[in-house]
């Protein structure tokens, strides 16, 4: 009975011994390297490069309203005219009085050249001429205060003013936005400052069209870091010549920067010991291949892959599958789809 049991155990362990001598079956691939990439995704808000709220400079009844919300207007376009009858009369009177003062001064100047009048008369005429010029300027200002004009080319917003309404200086007439370009305002953590300094371009993605990414240029970075939030305010410029986007829209702002190169391995190839991570690589001795452990430090995780730093040689071959049963200096054999570093 004892002899039979011994023979049975011997027969059982013969295949295991044979497998150990042939080597553990593993899948290997050449070890590759990629640059570490730091990405920052934040939310930004758009605003027009120039945007103002328009208020009248005087209080009176609205006589003319030329505001079509959502339309482009040129610089200087008349948007609102208040009752300006008195101001129009005063301006006309000032022009007439100035013209009369100019004629009087010219007559006295000629008379003075002929010695017909004293210099004091000419000086008085010159003073009156300057006063009339000032009065005309004042009349022009008062007349202009009855008008609200577009300060630049842009799109006007909605107005609540109708002809005949009583308008006060505190009543907002409308808004005007130059949205041919948009500022995208956003905030980033202070740790991302080096990305902004090394790469002046950011990618912005409108929330309503998430598939369309656009390039924007960083134009302003705040001079200080907020002490409470540890964030930095940043402004990027987005071209909007086709008038697709509007001020106030939200955008996903994406930034990235590449750093040093590290070995990239599948997550399944990364093993963990008691204190540190490690991977297995192939060591060749003659015609035999053995497993060698290399301790690594995880630098970055990506989708299904890990960037690691370790003491790797040139043209290393990484053991990708079959790593769970490996031990140091264990002999290896390879699957048919294995690939070796050249």
C-alpha atoms as a PDB file:
ATOM      1  CA  UNK A   1       0.000   0.000   0.000  1.00  0.00           C
ATOM      2  CA  UNK A   2       2.800   2.435   0.896  1.00  0.00           C
ATOM      3  CA  UNK A   3       4.702   1.626  -2.297  1.00  0.00           C
ATOM      4  CA  UNK A   4       1.566   2.265  -4.369  1.00  0.00           C
ATOM      5  CA  UNK A   5       1.010   5.682  -2.706  1.00  0.00           C
ATOM      6  CA  UNK A   6       4.616   6.727  -3.325  1.00  0.00           C
ATOM      7  CA  UNK A   7       4.406   5.770  -6.983  1.00  0.00           C
ATOM      8  CA  UNK A   8       1.133   7.688  -7.377  1.00  0.00           C
ATOM      9  CA  UNK A   9       2.629  10.886  -5.923  1.00  0.00           C
ATOM     10  CA  UNK A  10       5.692  10.561  -8.104  1.00  0.00           C
ATOM     11  CA  UNK A  11       3.541  10.257 -11.219  1.00  0.00           C
ATOM     12  CA  UNK A  12       1.460  13.280 -10.109  1.00  0.00           C
ATOM     13  CA  UNK A  13       4.439  15.596  -9.642  1.00  0.00           C
ATOM     14  CA  UNK A  14       6.286  14.613 -12.824  1.00  0.00           C
ATOM     15  CA  UNK A  15       4.271  17.078 -15.057  1.00  0.00           C
ATOM     16  CA  UNK A  16       4.778  19.885 -12.546  1.00  0.00           C
ATOM     17  CA  UNK A  17       8.498  19.313 -12.492  1.00  0.00           C
ATOM     18  CA  UNK A  18       8.538  19.199 -16.258  1.00  0.00           C
ATOM     19  CA  UNK A  19       6.620  22.500 -16.474  1.00  0.00           C
ATOM     20  CA  UNK A  20       9.023  24.144 -14.026  1.00  0.00           C
ATOM     21  CA  UNK A  21      11.965  23.036 -16.117  1.00  0.00           C
ATOM     22  CA  UNK A  22      10.329  24.283 -19.318  1.00  0.00           C
ATOM     23  CA  UNK A  23       9.335  27.606 -17.715  1.00  0.00           C
ATOM     24  CA  UNK A  24       6.219  29.527 -16.742  1.00  0.00           C
ATOM     25  CA  UNK A  25       4.046  30.535 -19.664  1.00  0.00           C
ATOM     26  CA  UNK A  26       3.795  34.345 -19.984  1.00  0.00           C
ATOM     27  CA  UNK A  27       2.839  37.006 -22.513  1.00  0.00           C
ATOM     28  CA  UNK A  28       5.474  39.670 -23.135  1.00  0.00           C
ATOM     29  CA  UNK A  29       5.566  42.967 -25.014  1.00  0.00           C
ATOM     30  CA  UNK A  30       8.303  45.535 -25.650  1.00  0.00           C
ATOM     31  CA  UNK A  31       8.454  48.188 -22.925  1.00  0.00           C
ATOM     32  CA  UNK A  32       7.458  51.580 -24.336  1.00  0.00           C
ATOM     33  CA  UNK A  33       7.732  55.112 -22.996  1.00  0.00           C
ATOM     34  CA  UNK A  34       5.415  58.106 -23.070  1.00  0.00           C
ATOM     35  CA  UNK A  35       5.535  61.638 -21.758  1.00  0.00           C
ATOM     36  CA  UNK A  36       3.686  62.440 -18.581  1.00  0.00           C
ATOM     37  CA  UNK A  37       0.703  64.666 -19.309  1.00  0.00           C
ATOM     38  CA  UNK A  38      -0.928  66.956 -16.804  1.00  0.00           C
ATOM     39  CA  UNK A  39      -4.503  67.939 -17.618  1.00  0.00           C
ATOM     40  CA  UNK A  40      -6.705  70.554 -16.021  1.00  0.00           C
ATOM     41  CA  UNK A  41     -10.427  70.826 -16.801  1.00  0.00           C
ATOM     42  CA  UNK A  42     -12.384  73.790 -15.430  1.00  0.00           C
ATOM     43  CA  UNK A  43     -15.551  75.704 -16.265  1.00  0.00           C
ATOM     44  CA  UNK A  44     -15.360  79.171 -17.799  1.00  0.00           C
ATOM     45  CA  UNK A  45     -17.894  81.857 -18.691  1.00  0.00           C
ATOM     46  CA  UNK A  46     -17.950  83.948 -21.847  1.00  0.00           C
ATOM     47  CA  UNK A  47     -18.293  87.694 -21.979  1.00  0.00           C
ATOM     48  CA  UNK A  48     -18.011  90.191 -24.802  1.00  0.00           C
ATOM     49  CA  UNK A  49     -14.670  91.891 -25.373  1.00  0.00           C
ATOM     50  CA  UNK A  50     -16.545  95.175 -24.989  1.00  0.00           C
ATOM     51  CA  UNK A  51     -19.864  95.406 -23.207  1.00  0.00           C
ATOM     52  CA  UNK A  52     -21.713  98.382 -21.740  1.00  0.00           C
ATOM     53  CA  UNK A  53     -25.065  99.308 -20.255  1.00  0.00           C
ATOM     54  CA  UNK A  54     -26.391 102.541 -21.711  1.00  0.00           C
ATOM     55  CA  UNK A  55     -28.028 105.229 -19.563  1.00  0.00           C
ATOM     56  CA  UNK A  56     -29.231 108.684 -20.638  1.00  0.00           C
ATOM     57  CA  UNK A  57     -27.399 111.790 -19.458  1.00  0.00           C
ATOM     58  CA  UNK A  58     -30.653 113.694 -18.874  1.00  0.00           C
ATOM     59  CA  UNK A  59     -34.263 113.094 -17.859  1.00  0.00           C
ATOM     60  CA  UNK A  60     -37.119 113.797 -20.272  1.00  0.00           C
ATOM     61  CA  UNK A  61     -39.657 112.162 -22.584  1.00  0.00           C
ATOM     62  CA  UNK A  62     -38.460 109.731 -25.250  1.00  0.00           C
ATOM     63  CA  UNK A  63     -39.171 111.039 -28.747  1.00  0.00           C
ATOM     64  CA  UNK A  64     -37.340 108.499 -30.891  1.00  0.00           C
ATOM     65  CA  UNK A  65     -36.331 104.898 -30.101  1.00  0.00           C
ATOM     66  CA  UNK A  66     -34.184 103.070 -32.678  1.00  0.00           C
ATOM     67  CA  UNK A  67     -33.456  99.818 -30.870  1.00  0.00           C
ATOM     68  CA  UNK A  68     -34.014  96.445 -32.521  1.00  0.00           C
ATOM     69  CA  UNK A  69     -32.838  93.830 -30.001  1.00  0.00           C
ATOM     70  CA  UNK A  70     -30.313  91.364 -31.374  1.00  0.00           C
ATOM     71  CA  UNK A  71     -29.215  93.501 -34.319  1.00  0.00           C
ATOM     72  CA  UNK A  72     -25.774  94.923 -35.050  1.00  0.00           C
ATOM     73  CA  UNK A  73     -25.377  98.703 -34.988  1.00  0.00           C
ATOM     74  CA  UNK A  74     -22.436 100.828 -36.039  1.00  0.00           C
ATOM     75  CA  UNK A  75     -20.484 103.159 -33.800  1.00  0.00           C
ATOM     76  CA  UNK A  76     -22.333 106.471 -33.411  1.00  0.00           C
ATOM     77  CA  UNK A  77     -25.743 105.048 -34.366  1.00  0.00           C
ATOM     78  CA  UNK A  78     -28.622 106.935 -32.700  1.00  0.00           C
ATOM     79  CA  UNK A  79     -30.447 104.583 -30.328  1.00  0.00           C
ATOM     80  CA  UNK A  80     -32.581 106.995 -28.287  1.00  0.00           C
ATOM     81  CA  UNK A  81     -33.507 110.671 -28.649  1.00  0.00           C
ATOM     82  CA  UNK A  82     -35.160 112.563 -25.832  1.00  0.00           C
ATOM     83  CA  UNK A  83     -37.218 115.710 -26.261  1.00  0.00           C
ATOM     84  CA  UNK A  84     -34.543 118.142 -27.499  1.00  0.00           C
ATOM     85  CA  UNK A  85     -36.568 121.054 -28.847  1.00  0.00           C
ATOM     86  CA  UNK A  86     -35.221 123.599 -26.356  1.00  0.00           C
ATOM     87  CA  UNK A  87     -31.674 122.344 -26.798  1.00  0.00           C
ATOM     88  CA  UNK A  88     -31.967 122.520 -30.596  1.00  0.00           C
ATOM     89  CA  UNK A  89     -33.117 126.150 -30.344  1.00  0.00           C
ATOM     90  CA  UNK A  90     -30.336 127.035 -27.902  1.00  0.00           C
ATOM     91  CA  UNK A  91     -27.744 125.452 -30.174  1.00  0.00           C
ATOM     92  CA  UNK A  92     -29.007 127.381 -33.188  1.00  0.00           C
ATOM     93  CA  UNK A  93     -28.968 130.635 -31.203  1.00  0.00           C
ATOM     94  CA  UNK A  94     -25.415 129.969 -30.020  1.00  0.00           C
ATOM     95  CA  UNK A  95     -24.268 129.387 -33.595  1.00  0.00           C
ATOM     96  CA  UNK A  96     -25.831 132.645 -34.745  1.00  0.00           C
ATOM     97  CA  UNK A  97     -24.292 134.612 -31.865  1.00  0.00           C
ATOM     98  CA  UNK A  98     -20.893 133.064 -32.556  1.00  0.00           C
ATOM     99  CA  UNK A  99     -21.089 134.003 -36.232  1.00  0.00           C
ATOM    100  CA  UNK A 100     -22.044 137.574 -35.258  1.00  0.00           C
ATOM    101  CA  UNK A 101     -19.139 137.765 -32.792  1.00  0.00           C
ATOM    102  CA  UNK A 102     -16.730 136.556 -35.478  1.00  0.00           C
ATOM    103  CA  UNK A 103     -17.908 139.257 -37.885  1.00  0.00           C
ATOM    104  CA  UNK A 104     -17.622 141.939 -35.220  1.00  0.00           C
ATOM    105  CA  UNK A 105     -14.137 140.848 -34.301  1.00  0.00           C
ATOM    106  CA  UNK A 106     -13.035 140.846 -37.937  1.00  0.00           C
ATOM    107  CA  UNK A 107     -14.348 144.410 -38.475  1.00  0.00           C
ATOM    108  CA  UNK A 108     -12.610 145.671 -35.360  1.00  0.00           C
ATOM    109  CA  UNK A 109      -9.387 143.918 -36.316  1.00  0.00           C
ATOM    110  CA  UNK A 110      -9.332 145.722 -39.662  1.00  0.00           C
ATOM    111  CA  UNK A 111     -10.148 149.008 -37.949  1.00  0.00           C
ATOM    112  CA  UNK A 112      -7.342 148.465 -35.482  1.00  0.00           C
ATOM    113  CA  UNK A 113      -4.882 147.872 -38.318  1.00  0.00           C
ATOM    114  CA  UNK A 114      -5.897 151.279 -39.711  1.00  0.00           C
ATOM    115  CA  UNK A 115      -5.552 152.878 -36.277  1.00  0.00           C
ATOM    116  CA  UNK A 116      -9.223 153.825 -36.075  1.00  0.00           C
ATOM    117  CA  UNK A 117      -9.918 152.174 -32.669  1.00  0.00           C
ATOM    118  CA  UNK A 118      -7.892 151.542 -29.524  1.00  0.00           C
ATOM    119  CA  UNK A 119      -6.489 148.097 -28.723  1.00  0.00           C
ATOM    120  CA  UNK A 120      -8.885 147.732 -25.795  1.00  0.00           C
ATOM    121  CA  UNK A 121     -11.892 147.622 -28.169  1.00  0.00           C
ATOM    122  CA  UNK A 122     -10.301 144.785 -30.116  1.00  0.00           C
ATOM    123  CA  UNK A 123      -9.515 142.956 -26.874  1.00  0.00           C
ATOM    124  CA  UNK A 124     -13.142 143.252 -25.758  1.00  0.00           C
ATOM    125  CA  UNK A 125     -14.316 141.875 -29.096  1.00  0.00           C
ATOM    126  CA  UNK A 126     -11.927 138.945 -28.807  1.00  0.00           C
ATOM    127  CA  UNK A 127     -13.252 138.201 -25.321  1.00  0.00           C
ATOM    128  CA  UNK A 128     -16.831 138.224 -26.599  1.00  0.00           C
ATOM    129  CA  UNK A 129     -15.808 135.907 -29.425  1.00  0.00           C
ATOM    130  CA  UNK A 130     -14.330 133.367 -27.007  1.00  0.00           C
ATOM    131  CA  UNK A 131     -17.409 133.563 -24.786  1.00  0.00           C
ATOM    132  CA  UNK A 132     -19.648 132.802 -27.760  1.00  0.00           C
ATOM    133  CA  UNK A 133     -17.508 129.790 -28.618  1.00  0.00           C
ATOM    134  CA  UNK A 134     -17.863 128.481 -25.061  1.00  0.00           C
ATOM    135  CA  UNK A 135     -21.621 129.064 -25.154  1.00  0.00           C
ATOM    136  CA  UNK A 136     -21.864 127.080 -28.380  1.00  0.00           C
ATOM    137  CA  UNK A 137     -19.881 124.233 -26.830  1.00  0.00           C
ATOM    138  CA  UNK A 138     -22.241 124.230 -23.865  1.00  0.00           C
ATOM    139  CA  UNK A 139     -25.279 124.208 -26.158  1.00  0.00           C
ATOM    140  CA  UNK A 140     -23.788 121.325 -28.165  1.00  0.00           C
ATOM    141  CA  UNK A 141     -23.206 119.320 -24.972  1.00  0.00           C
ATOM    142  CA  UNK A 142     -26.755 119.901 -23.732  1.00  0.00           C
ATOM    143  CA  UNK A 143     -28.119 118.892 -27.133  1.00  0.00           C
ATOM    144  CA  UNK A 144     -25.896 115.786 -27.210  1.00  0.00           C
ATOM    145  CA  UNK A 145     -27.048 114.810 -23.701  1.00  0.00           C
ATOM    146  CA  UNK A 146     -30.507 114.275 -25.181  1.00  0.00           C
ATOM    147  CA  UNK A 147     -29.186 111.500 -27.389  1.00  0.00           C
ATOM    148  CA  UNK A 148     -27.981 107.976 -26.612  1.00  0.00           C
ATOM    149  CA  UNK A 149     -25.606 106.701 -29.302  1.00  0.00           C
ATOM    150  CA  UNK A 150     -23.727 103.440 -29.769  1.00  0.00           C
ATOM    151  CA  UNK A 151     -20.190 103.881 -28.363  1.00  0.00           C
ATOM    152  CA  UNK A 152     -18.857 101.103 -30.625  1.00  0.00           C
ATOM    153  CA  UNK A 153     -20.033  98.562 -33.185  1.00  0.00           C
ATOM    154  CA  UNK A 154     -21.988  95.825 -31.466  1.00  0.00           C
ATOM    155  CA  UNK A 155     -25.261  94.033 -30.822  1.00  0.00           C
ATOM    156  CA  UNK A 156     -27.977  95.850 -28.900  1.00  0.00           C
ATOM    157  CA  UNK A 157     -30.055  94.122 -26.262  1.00  0.00           C
ATOM    158  CA  UNK A 158     -33.676  94.341 -25.180  1.00  0.00           C
ATOM    159  CA  UNK A 159     -35.093  97.715 -24.133  1.00  0.00           C
ATOM    160  CA  UNK A 160     -38.142  98.645 -22.065  1.00  0.00           C
ATOM    161  CA  UNK A 161     -38.257 102.213 -23.395  1.00  0.00           C
ATOM    162  CA  UNK A 162     -41.020 103.220 -25.799  1.00  0.00           C
ATOM    163  CA  UNK A 163     -41.609 106.589 -27.502  1.00  0.00           C
ATOM    164  CA  UNK A 164     -43.417 108.860 -25.064  1.00  0.00           C
ATOM    165  CA  UNK A 165     -42.002 107.196 -21.936  1.00  0.00           C
ATOM    166  CA  UNK A 166     -40.569 109.379 -19.208  1.00  0.00           C
ATOM    167  CA  UNK A 167     -36.889 108.477 -19.054  1.00  0.00           C
ATOM    168  CA  UNK A 168     -34.634 109.238 -16.100  1.00  0.00           C
ATOM    169  CA  UNK A 169     -30.881 109.154 -15.728  1.00  0.00           C
ATOM    170  CA  UNK A 170     -31.171 106.007 -13.575  1.00  0.00           C
ATOM    171  CA  UNK A 171     -33.124 104.068 -16.212  1.00  0.00           C
ATOM    172  CA  UNK A 172     -31.118 101.610 -18.282  1.00  0.00           C
ATOM    173  CA  UNK A 173     -31.915 102.098 -21.949  1.00  0.00           C
ATOM    174  CA  UNK A 174     -30.298  98.936 -23.315  1.00  0.00           C
ATOM    175  CA  UNK A 175     -27.022  97.035 -23.527  1.00  0.00           C
ATOM    176  CA  UNK A 176     -24.544  96.750 -26.361  1.00  0.00           C
ATOM    177  CA  UNK A 177     -21.988  93.971 -26.798  1.00  0.00           C
ATOM    178  CA  UNK A 178     -19.115  93.655 -29.214  1.00  0.00           C
ATOM    179  CA  UNK A 179     -19.116  89.884 -29.489  1.00  0.00           C
ATOM    180  CA  UNK A 180     -16.954  89.532 -32.604  1.00  0.00           C
ATOM    181  CA  UNK A 181     -14.565  88.059 -30.043  1.00  0.00           C
ATOM    182  CA  UNK A 182     -15.313  86.714 -26.579  1.00  0.00           C
ATOM    183  CA  UNK A 183     -13.346  86.594 -23.375  1.00  0.00           C
ATOM    184  CA  UNK A 184     -13.533  83.236 -21.585  1.00  0.00           C
ATOM    185  CA  UNK A 185     -12.989  83.895 -17.871  1.00  0.00           C
ATOM    186  CA  UNK A 186     -12.017  80.962 -15.674  1.00  0.00           C
ATOM    187  CA  UNK A 187      -9.986  80.059 -12.594  1.00  0.00           C
ATOM    188  CA  UNK A 188      -7.298  77.406 -12.226  1.00  0.00           C
ATOM    189  CA  UNK A 189      -5.445  76.038  -9.179  1.00  0.00           C
ATOM    190  CA  UNK A 190      -2.032  77.527  -8.542  1.00  0.00           C
ATOM    191  CA  UNK A 191      -0.455  74.154  -9.354  1.00  0.00           C
ATOM    192  CA  UNK A 192      -1.519  74.678 -12.983  1.00  0.00           C
ATOM    193  CA  UNK A 193       0.369  77.949 -13.441  1.00  0.00           C
ATOM    194  CA  UNK A 194       3.267  76.228 -15.186  1.00  0.00           C
ATOM    195  CA  UNK A 195       0.829  74.878 -17.794  1.00  0.00           C
ATOM    196  CA  UNK A 196      -0.382  78.387 -18.585  1.00  0.00           C
ATOM    197  CA  UNK A 197       3.146  79.731 -18.806  1.00  0.00           C
ATOM    198  CA  UNK A 198       4.352  76.976 -21.128  1.00  0.00           C
ATOM    199  CA  UNK A 199       1.302  76.799 -23.379  1.00  0.00           C
ATOM    200  CA  UNK A 200      -0.556  79.979 -24.428  1.00  0.00           C
ATOM    201  CA  UNK A 201      -3.353  77.976 -26.072  1.00  0.00           C
ATOM    202  CA  UNK A 202      -6.295  76.311 -24.327  1.00  0.00           C
ATOM    203  CA  UNK A 203      -9.118  74.201 -25.676  1.00  0.00           C
ATOM    204  CA  UNK A 204     -12.642  75.391 -24.960  1.00  0.00           C
ATOM    205  CA  UNK A 205     -15.712  73.225 -25.473  1.00  0.00           C
ATOM    206  CA  UNK A 206     -19.208  74.776 -25.411  1.00  0.00           C
ATOM    207  CA  UNK A 207     -21.583  72.802 -23.205  1.00  0.00           C
ATOM    208  CA  UNK A 208     -24.383  72.827 -25.780  1.00  0.00           C
ATOM    209  CA  UNK A 209     -22.027  71.416 -28.455  1.00  0.00           C
ATOM    210  CA  UNK A 210     -19.701  69.196 -26.491  1.00  0.00           C
ATOM    211  CA  UNK A 211     -18.255  67.542 -29.596  1.00  0.00           C
ATOM    212  CA  UNK A 212     -16.871  70.795 -31.007  1.00  0.00           C
ATOM    213  CA  UNK A 213     -13.640  71.898 -29.373  1.00  0.00           C
ATOM    214  CA  UNK A 214     -12.169  75.311 -30.206  1.00  0.00           C
ATOM    215  CA  UNK A 215      -8.779  76.899 -29.678  1.00  0.00           C
ATOM    216  CA  UNK A 216      -8.566  80.015 -27.518  1.00  0.00           C
ATOM    217  CA  UNK A 217      -5.535  82.145 -26.692  1.00  0.00           C
ATOM    218  CA  UNK A 218      -4.648  83.138 -23.143  1.00  0.00           C
ATOM    219  CA  UNK A 219      -4.428  86.929 -23.023  1.00  0.00           C
ATOM    220  CA  UNK A 220      -4.409  87.719 -19.292  1.00  0.00           C
ATOM    221  CA  UNK A 221      -3.277  85.964 -16.118  1.00  0.00           C
ATOM    222  CA  UNK A 222      -3.967  87.623 -12.795  1.00  0.00           C
ATOM    223  CA  UNK A 223      -0.959  88.952 -10.916  1.00  0.00           C
ATOM    224  CA  UNK A 224      -1.816  87.159  -7.667  1.00  0.00           C
ATOM    225  CA  UNK A 225      -3.186  83.917  -6.257  1.00  0.00           C
ATOM    226  CA  UNK A 226      -6.320  84.106  -4.133  1.00  0.00           C
ATOM    227  CA  UNK A 227      -5.197  83.263  -0.600  1.00  0.00           C
ATOM    228  CA  UNK A 228      -8.441  81.559   0.380  1.00  0.00           C
ATOM    229  CA  UNK A 229      -9.222  79.489  -2.697  1.00  0.00           C
ATOM    230  CA  UNK A 230      -5.619  79.097  -3.961  1.00  0.00           C
ATOM    231  CA  UNK A 231      -6.948  79.832  -7.437  1.00  0.00           C
ATOM    232  CA  UNK A 232      -5.730  82.162 -10.183  1.00  0.00           C
ATOM    233  CA  UNK A 233      -8.024  84.115 -12.475  1.00  0.00           C
ATOM    234  CA  UNK A 234      -7.295  83.657 -16.188  1.00  0.00           C
ATOM    235  CA  UNK A 235      -8.778  85.142 -19.343  1.00  0.00           C
ATOM    236  CA  UNK A 236      -8.645  83.610 -22.831  1.00  0.00           C
ATOM    237  CA  UNK A 237      -9.712  85.139 -26.141  1.00  0.00           C
ATOM    238  CA  UNK A 238     -12.023  83.195 -28.466  1.00  0.00           C
ATOM    239  CA  UNK A 239     -12.715  84.392 -32.002  1.00  0.00           C
ATOM    240  CA  UNK A 240     -16.448  84.598 -32.741  1.00  0.00           C
ATOM    241  CA  UNK A 241     -16.635  86.153 -36.203  1.00  0.00           C
ATOM    242  CA  UNK A 242     -19.560  83.929 -37.213  1.00  0.00           C
ATOM    243  CA  UNK A 243     -21.482  85.104 -34.117  1.00  0.00           C
ATOM    244  CA  UNK A 244     -22.119  81.554 -32.930  1.00  0.00           C
ATOM    245  CA  UNK A 245     -21.660  82.135 -29.207  1.00  0.00           C
ATOM    246  CA  UNK A 246     -23.166  84.610 -26.761  1.00  0.00           C
ATOM    247  CA  UNK A 247     -21.850  86.381 -23.677  1.00  0.00           C
ATOM    248  CA  UNK A 248     -22.761  84.453 -20.546  1.00  0.00           C
ATOM    249  CA  UNK A 249     -22.406  81.008 -22.123  1.00  0.00           C
ATOM    250  CA  UNK A 250     -20.455  78.385 -20.200  1.00  0.00           C
ATOM    251  CA  UNK A 251     -17.497  76.495 -21.620  1.00  0.00           C
ATOM    252  CA  UNK A 252     -15.392  73.575 -20.504  1.00  0.00           C
ATOM    253  CA  UNK A 253     -11.781  74.794 -20.550  1.00  0.00           C
ATOM    254  CA  UNK A 254      -9.129  72.128 -21.060  1.00  0.00           C
ATOM    255  CA  UNK A 255      -5.389  72.609 -20.611  1.00  0.00           C
ATOM    256  CA  UNK A 256      -2.560  70.133 -20.825  1.00  0.00           C
ATOM    257  CA  UNK A 257       1.218  70.058 -20.618  1.00  0.00           C
ATOM    258  CA  UNK A 258       3.716  67.294 -21.258  1.00  0.00           C
ATOM    259  CA  UNK A 259       6.545  66.457 -18.904  1.00  0.00           C
ATOM    260  CA  UNK A 260       9.241  63.797 -18.594  1.00  0.00           C
ATOM    261  CA  UNK A 261       9.093  60.395 -20.276  1.00  0.00           C
ATOM    262  CA  UNK A 262       8.161  57.327 -18.243  1.00  0.00           C
ATOM    263  CA  UNK A 263       7.601  53.667 -18.947  1.00  0.00           C
ATOM    264  CA  UNK A 264       3.992  52.881 -19.794  1.00  0.00           C
ATOM    265  CA  UNK A 265       2.592  49.513 -18.741  1.00  0.00           C
ATOM    266  CA  UNK A 266      -0.841  47.840 -18.693  1.00  0.00           C
ATOM    267  CA  UNK A 267      -2.553  47.965 -15.319  1.00  0.00           C
ATOM    268  CA  UNK A 268      -2.578  44.156 -15.229  1.00  0.00           C
ATOM    269  CA  UNK A 269       1.234  44.094 -15.341  1.00  0.00           C
ATOM    270  CA  UNK A 270       1.627  46.254 -12.226  1.00  0.00           C
ATOM    271  CA  UNK A 271       2.184  44.251  -9.045  1.00  0.00           C
ATOM    272  CA  UNK A 272       2.210  45.417  -5.438  1.00  0.00           C
ATOM    273  CA  UNK A 273       4.513  44.219  -2.712  1.00  0.00           C
ATOM    274  CA  UNK A 274       4.417  45.004   0.978  1.00  0.00           C
ATOM    275  CA  UNK A 275       5.744  48.530   0.555  1.00  0.00           C
ATOM    276  CA  UNK A 276       6.107  49.293  -3.137  1.00  0.00           C
ATOM    277  CA  UNK A 277       4.981  48.503  -6.653  1.00  0.00           C
ATOM    278  CA  UNK A 278       6.989  46.439  -9.125  1.00  0.00           C
ATOM    279  CA  UNK A 279       6.869  44.874 -12.582  1.00  0.00           C
ATOM    280  CA  UNK A 280       8.489  41.846 -14.181  1.00  0.00           C
ATOM    281  CA  UNK A 281      10.843  42.087 -17.150  1.00  0.00           C
ATOM    282  CA  UNK A 282      12.631  39.418 -19.160  1.00  0.00           C
ATOM    283  CA  UNK A 283      16.328  38.607 -18.606  1.00  0.00           C
ATOM    284  CA  UNK A 284      18.106  36.427 -21.118  1.00  0.00           C
ATOM    285  CA  UNK A 285      20.986  34.104 -20.238  1.00  0.00           C
ATOM    286  CA  UNK A 286      22.137  32.136 -23.236  1.00  0.00           C
ATOM    287  CA  UNK A 287      19.103  30.473 -24.728  1.00  0.00           C
ATOM    288  CA  UNK A 288      17.104  30.641 -21.490  1.00  0.00           C
ATOM    289  CA  UNK A 289      14.842  33.460 -20.291  1.00  0.00           C
ATOM    290  CA  UNK A 290      14.181  34.420 -16.678  1.00  0.00           C
ATOM    291  CA  UNK A 291      11.912  36.810 -14.769  1.00  0.00           C
ATOM    292  CA  UNK A 292      13.543  39.845 -13.160  1.00  0.00           C
ATOM    293  CA  UNK A 293      11.744  42.147 -10.750  1.00  0.00           C
ATOM    294  CA  UNK A 294      12.029  45.941 -11.160  1.00  0.00           C
ATOM    295  CA  UNK A 295      10.664  48.208  -8.423  1.00  0.00           C
ATOM    296  CA  UNK A 296       8.732  51.172  -9.801  1.00  0.00           C
ATOM    297  CA  UNK A 297       7.039  54.368  -8.699  1.00  0.00           C
ATOM    298  CA  UNK A 298       3.638  55.186 -10.137  1.00  0.00           C
ATOM    299  CA  UNK A 299       3.705  58.608 -11.810  1.00  0.00           C
ATOM    300  CA  UNK A 300       0.366  58.778 -13.592  1.00  0.00           C
ATOM    301  CA  UNK A 301      -2.657  56.612 -14.291  1.00  0.00           C
ATOM    302  CA  UNK A 302      -4.405  56.637 -17.626  1.00  0.00           C
ATOM    303  CA  UNK A 303      -7.216  54.618 -19.134  1.00  0.00           C
ATOM    304  CA  UNK A 304      -6.069  51.022 -18.609  1.00  0.00           C
ATOM    305  CA  UNK A 305      -2.412  52.040 -18.431  1.00  0.00           C
ATOM    306  CA  UNK A 306       0.052  53.308 -15.858  1.00  0.00           C
ATOM    307  CA  UNK A 307       3.133  55.511 -16.246  1.00  0.00           C
ATOM    308  CA  UNK A 308       5.902  54.334 -13.921  1.00  0.00           C
ATOM    309  CA  UNK A 309       9.464  55.335 -13.104  1.00  0.00           C
ATOM    310  CA  UNK A 310      11.985  52.575 -12.532  1.00  0.00           C
ATOM    311  CA  UNK A 311      15.510  51.355 -13.214  1.00  0.00           C
ATOM    312  CA  UNK A 312      14.886  50.105 -16.730  1.00  0.00           C
ATOM    313  CA  UNK A 313      17.546  49.314 -19.267  1.00  0.00           C
ATOM    314  CA  UNK A 314      17.421  49.826 -22.998  1.00  0.00           C
ATOM    315  CA  UNK A 315      15.123  47.628 -25.079  1.00  0.00           C
ATOM    316  CA  UNK A 316      13.435  46.002 -22.109  1.00  0.00           C
ATOM    317  CA  UNK A 317      10.752  43.358 -22.627  1.00  0.00           C
ATOM    318  CA  UNK A 318       7.826  43.600 -20.192  1.00  0.00           C
ATOM    319  CA  UNK A 319       5.911  40.614 -18.883  1.00  0.00           C
ATOM    320  CA  UNK A 320       2.269  41.554 -19.407  1.00  0.00           C
ATOM    321  CA  UNK A 321       0.298  38.411 -18.504  1.00  0.00           C
ATOM    322  CA  UNK A 322       1.081  35.521 -16.212  1.00  0.00           C
ATOM    323  CA  UNK A 323       2.717  37.765 -13.613  1.00  0.00           C
ATOM    324  CA  UNK A 324       0.723  36.451 -10.633  1.00  0.00           C
ATOM    325  CA  UNK A 325       2.693  33.214 -10.336  1.00  0.00           C
ATOM    326  CA  UNK A 326       6.155  34.631 -11.040  1.00  0.00           C
ATOM    327  CA  UNK A 327       9.110  34.600  -8.678  1.00  0.00           C
ATOM    328  CA  UNK A 328      12.545  36.104  -9.101  1.00  0.00           C
ATOM    329  CA  UNK A 329      14.796  34.179 -11.527  1.00  0.00           C
ATOM    330  CA  UNK A 330      11.938  31.919 -12.581  1.00  0.00           C
ATOM    331  CA  UNK A 331      12.445  30.451 -16.016  1.00  0.00           C
ATOM    332  CA  UNK A 332      10.018  31.609 -18.705  1.00  0.00           C
ATOM    333  CA  UNK A 333       8.363  30.389 -21.854  1.00  0.00           C
ATOM    334  CA  UNK A 334       6.210  32.567 -24.059  1.00  0.00           C
ATOM    335  CA  UNK A 335       2.825  32.573 -25.739  1.00  0.00           C
ATOM    336  CA  UNK A 336       2.629  32.596 -29.506  1.00  0.00           C
ATOM    337  CA  UNK A 337       1.501  36.238 -29.619  1.00  0.00           C
ATOM    338  CA  UNK A 338       4.379  37.519 -27.487  1.00  0.00           C
ATOM    339  CA  UNK A 339       6.572  40.315 -28.854  1.00  0.00           C
ATOM    340  CA  UNK A 340      10.167  41.083 -27.900  1.00  0.00           C
ATOM    341  CA  UNK A 341      12.029  44.391 -27.823  1.00  0.00           C
ATOM    342  CA  UNK A 342      14.487  44.745 -30.659  1.00  0.00           C
END
